[in-house]
């Protein structure tokens, strides 16, 4: 549901990589990162989880919550 929005953000933001993981096919990874609800977004910086967002959100709310990791638009 939010994959298309994240795809747009990835295109608009240089240096951002968006990856999607199917937790049904990768339960060990879901357990390692304590993913209990879908969707869960994990923001990694230098290999460490810096932020966790749970639940579906619109583009505006995602941009606001991810603002500290994004390049300001001109």
N, C-alpha and C. Protein backbone atom coordinates (compact mmCIF):
# COMPACT_ATOMS: atom_id res chain seq x y z
N UNK A 1 0.82 -1.20 0.00
CA UNK A 1 0.00 0.00 0.00
C UNK A 1 0.86 1.26 0.00
N UNK A 2 1.94 1.25 0.76
CA UNK A 2 2.79 2.44 0.79
C UNK A 2 4.00 2.29 -0.13
N UNK A 3 4.17 1.12 -0.75
CA UNK A 3 5.31 0.89 -1.63
C UNK A 3 5.40 1.92 -2.76
N UNK A 4 4.28 2.27 -3.44
CA UNK A 4 4.40 3.28 -4.50
C UNK A 4 4.85 4.65 -3.96
N UNK A 5 4.40 5.00 -2.77
CA UNK A 5 4.80 6.29 -2.18
C UNK A 5 6.29 6.26 -1.86
N UNK A 6 6.76 5.16 -1.29
CA UNK A 6 8.19 5.05 -0.99
C UNK A 6 9.02 5.06 -2.26
N UNK A 7 8.49 4.47 -3.33
CA UNK A 7 9.17 4.52 -4.62
C UNK A 7 9.32 5.94 -5.13
N UNK A 8 8.27 6.74 -4.98
CA UNK A 8 8.33 8.15 -5.38
C UNK A 8 9.38 8.90 -4.57
N UNK A 9 9.39 8.68 -3.26
CA UNK A 9 10.36 9.35 -2.39
C UNK A 9 11.77 8.96 -2.79
N UNK A 10 12.00 7.68 -3.09
CA UNK A 10 13.33 7.21 -3.48
C UNK A 10 13.80 7.88 -4.77
N UNK A 11 12.87 8.08 -5.71
CA UNK A 11 13.23 8.75 -6.97
C UNK A 11 13.54 10.23 -6.73
N UNK A 12 12.78 10.86 -5.84
CA UNK A 12 12.93 12.29 -5.58
C UNK A 12 14.13 12.61 -4.69
N UNK A 13 14.61 11.63 -3.94
CA UNK A 13 15.67 11.87 -2.97
C UNK A 13 16.94 11.12 -3.37
N UNK A 14 17.94 11.85 -3.87
CA UNK A 14 19.19 11.18 -4.22
C UNK A 14 19.85 10.61 -2.96
N UNK A 15 20.43 9.43 -3.10
CA UNK A 15 21.13 8.83 -1.97
C UNK A 15 20.25 7.97 -1.07
N UNK A 16 18.95 7.91 -1.37
CA UNK A 16 18.03 7.09 -0.56
C UNK A 16 17.83 5.76 -1.29
N UNK A 17 17.92 4.68 -0.56
CA UNK A 17 17.61 3.36 -1.10
C UNK A 17 16.40 2.82 -0.37
N UNK A 18 15.41 2.38 -1.11
CA UNK A 18 14.22 1.77 -0.52
C UNK A 18 14.26 0.29 -0.86
N UNK A 19 14.15 -0.54 0.17
CA UNK A 19 14.12 -1.98 -0.01
C UNK A 19 12.86 -2.53 0.63
N UNK A 20 12.30 -3.55 0.02
CA UNK A 20 11.07 -4.16 0.51
C UNK A 20 11.37 -5.61 0.86
N UNK A 21 10.82 -6.06 1.98
CA UNK A 21 11.06 -7.42 2.42
C UNK A 21 9.73 -8.10 2.71
N UNK A 22 9.53 -9.28 2.18
CA UNK A 22 8.34 -10.07 2.47
C UNK A 22 8.61 -10.84 3.76
N UNK A 23 7.92 -10.45 4.85
CA UNK A 23 8.19 -11.07 6.14
C UNK A 23 7.71 -12.52 6.20
N UNK A 24 6.73 -12.89 5.37
CA UNK A 24 6.29 -14.28 5.33
C UNK A 24 7.39 -15.19 4.77
N UNK A 25 8.14 -14.66 3.82
CA UNK A 25 9.23 -15.42 3.21
C UNK A 25 10.54 -15.30 3.98
N UNK A 26 10.63 -14.30 4.88
CA UNK A 26 11.86 -14.03 5.62
C UNK A 26 11.57 -13.81 7.10
N UNK A 27 10.96 -14.79 7.78
CA UNK A 27 10.56 -14.57 9.17
C UNK A 27 11.74 -14.33 10.12
N UNK A 28 12.90 -14.89 9.80
CA UNK A 28 14.05 -14.69 10.68
C UNK A 28 14.50 -13.23 10.69
N UNK A 29 14.42 -12.57 9.57
CA UNK A 29 14.79 -11.15 9.51
C UNK A 29 13.75 -10.31 10.23
N UNK A 30 12.47 -10.64 10.04
CA UNK A 30 11.40 -9.94 10.74
C UNK A 30 11.58 -10.07 12.25
N UNK A 31 11.91 -11.25 12.72
CA UNK A 31 12.14 -11.46 14.16
C UNK A 31 13.35 -10.68 14.64
N UNK A 32 14.42 -10.68 13.85
CA UNK A 32 15.64 -9.98 14.26
C UNK A 32 15.40 -8.50 14.48
N UNK A 33 14.51 -7.91 13.66
CA UNK A 33 14.23 -6.48 13.78
C UNK A 33 12.90 -6.19 14.48
N UNK A 34 12.35 -7.19 15.16
CA UNK A 34 11.12 -7.04 15.95
C UNK A 34 9.97 -6.44 15.16
N UNK A 35 9.77 -6.91 13.94
CA UNK A 35 8.65 -6.46 13.12
C UNK A 35 7.42 -7.24 13.56
N UNK A 36 6.47 -6.52 14.18
CA UNK A 36 5.27 -7.15 14.70
C UNK A 36 4.03 -6.77 13.88
N UNK A 37 4.09 -5.68 13.14
CA UNK A 37 2.96 -5.19 12.35
C UNK A 37 3.44 -4.85 10.95
N UNK A 38 2.51 -4.95 10.02
CA UNK A 38 2.80 -4.60 8.63
C UNK A 38 1.89 -3.45 8.24
N UNK A 39 2.37 -2.39 7.65
CA UNK A 39 3.77 -2.17 7.28
C UNK A 39 4.58 -1.60 8.43
N UNK A 40 5.84 -1.97 8.46
CA UNK A 40 6.83 -1.38 9.37
C UNK A 40 7.96 -0.87 8.50
N UNK A 41 8.33 0.38 8.69
CA UNK A 41 9.46 0.96 7.96
C UNK A 41 10.60 1.13 8.95
N UNK A 42 11.76 0.64 8.55
CA UNK A 42 12.96 0.82 9.34
C UNK A 42 13.91 1.69 8.54
N UNK A 43 14.40 2.74 9.15
CA UNK A 43 15.36 3.63 8.50
C UNK A 43 16.74 3.27 9.04
N UNK A 44 17.61 2.86 8.13
CA UNK A 44 18.98 2.51 8.51
C UNK A 44 19.93 3.63 8.11
N UNK A 45 20.89 3.87 8.96
CA UNK A 45 21.97 4.81 8.66
C UNK A 45 23.25 4.16 9.15
N UNK A 46 24.17 3.92 8.25
CA UNK A 46 25.44 3.26 8.56
C UNK A 46 25.22 1.92 9.24
N UNK A 47 24.22 1.18 8.75
CA UNK A 47 23.97 -0.16 9.25
C UNK A 47 23.17 -0.27 10.53
N UNK A 48 22.80 0.85 11.11
CA UNK A 48 22.05 0.86 12.36
C UNK A 48 20.63 1.38 12.12
N UNK A 49 19.65 0.80 12.81
CA UNK A 49 18.27 1.30 12.72
C UNK A 49 18.22 2.64 13.46
N UNK A 50 17.84 3.68 12.75
CA UNK A 50 17.76 5.02 13.33
C UNK A 50 16.33 5.45 13.60
N UNK A 51 15.37 4.83 12.89
CA UNK A 51 13.98 5.21 13.08
C UNK A 51 13.10 4.04 12.66
N UNK A 52 11.95 3.91 13.36
CA UNK A 52 10.97 2.87 13.06
C UNK A 52 9.61 3.55 12.93
N UNK A 53 8.93 3.28 11.82
CA UNK A 53 7.59 3.80 11.59
C UNK A 53 6.66 2.60 11.37
N UNK A 54 5.57 2.57 12.09
CA UNK A 54 4.63 1.46 11.99
C UNK A 54 3.28 1.99 11.51
N UNK A 55 2.71 1.31 10.51
CA UNK A 55 1.39 1.68 10.01
C UNK A 55 1.48 2.42 8.69
N UNK A 56 0.38 2.37 7.97
CA UNK A 56 0.30 3.05 6.67
C UNK A 56 0.19 4.55 6.88
N UNK A 57 0.91 5.30 6.07
CA UNK A 57 0.91 6.76 6.15
C UNK A 57 0.90 7.32 4.73
N UNK A 58 0.37 8.51 4.59
CA UNK A 58 0.39 9.19 3.30
C UNK A 58 1.76 9.79 3.03
N UNK A 59 1.95 10.25 1.81
CA UNK A 59 3.24 10.80 1.41
C UNK A 59 3.65 11.99 2.27
N UNK A 60 2.73 12.90 2.52
CA UNK A 60 3.05 14.07 3.33
C UNK A 60 3.53 13.70 4.72
N UNK A 61 2.84 12.77 5.34
CA UNK A 61 3.23 12.36 6.69
C UNK A 61 4.57 11.61 6.67
N UNK A 62 4.78 10.77 5.67
CA UNK A 62 6.06 10.08 5.56
C UNK A 62 7.20 11.07 5.38
N UNK A 63 7.02 12.04 4.49
CA UNK A 63 8.06 13.04 4.27
C UNK A 63 8.36 13.80 5.56
N UNK A 64 7.33 14.12 6.32
CA UNK A 64 7.53 14.84 7.58
C UNK A 64 8.29 13.97 8.57
N UNK A 65 7.89 12.72 8.71
CA UNK A 65 8.53 11.84 9.69
C UNK A 65 9.93 11.42 9.28
N UNK A 66 10.22 11.45 7.98
CA UNK A 66 11.55 11.09 7.49
C UNK A 66 12.42 12.30 7.20
N UNK A 67 11.90 13.48 7.48
CA UNK A 67 12.58 14.72 7.13
C UNK A 67 14.02 14.81 7.56
N UNK A 68 14.36 14.30 8.72
CA UNK A 68 15.73 14.40 9.21
C UNK A 68 16.72 13.60 8.36
N UNK A 69 16.22 12.67 7.56
CA UNK A 69 17.07 11.83 6.72
C UNK A 69 17.06 12.26 5.26
N UNK A 70 16.23 13.22 4.90
CA UNK A 70 16.06 13.61 3.51
C UNK A 70 16.78 14.91 3.20
N UNK A 71 17.12 15.05 1.92
CA UNK A 71 17.74 16.28 1.44
C UNK A 71 16.64 17.33 1.26
N UNK A 72 16.81 18.53 1.82
CA UNK A 72 15.77 19.55 1.65
C UNK A 72 15.58 19.88 0.17
N UNK A 73 14.31 20.04 -0.23
CA UNK A 73 14.03 20.41 -1.63
C UNK A 73 14.21 21.91 -1.79
N UNK A 74 14.57 22.30 -3.00
CA UNK A 74 14.83 23.72 -3.27
C UNK A 74 13.67 24.34 -3.99
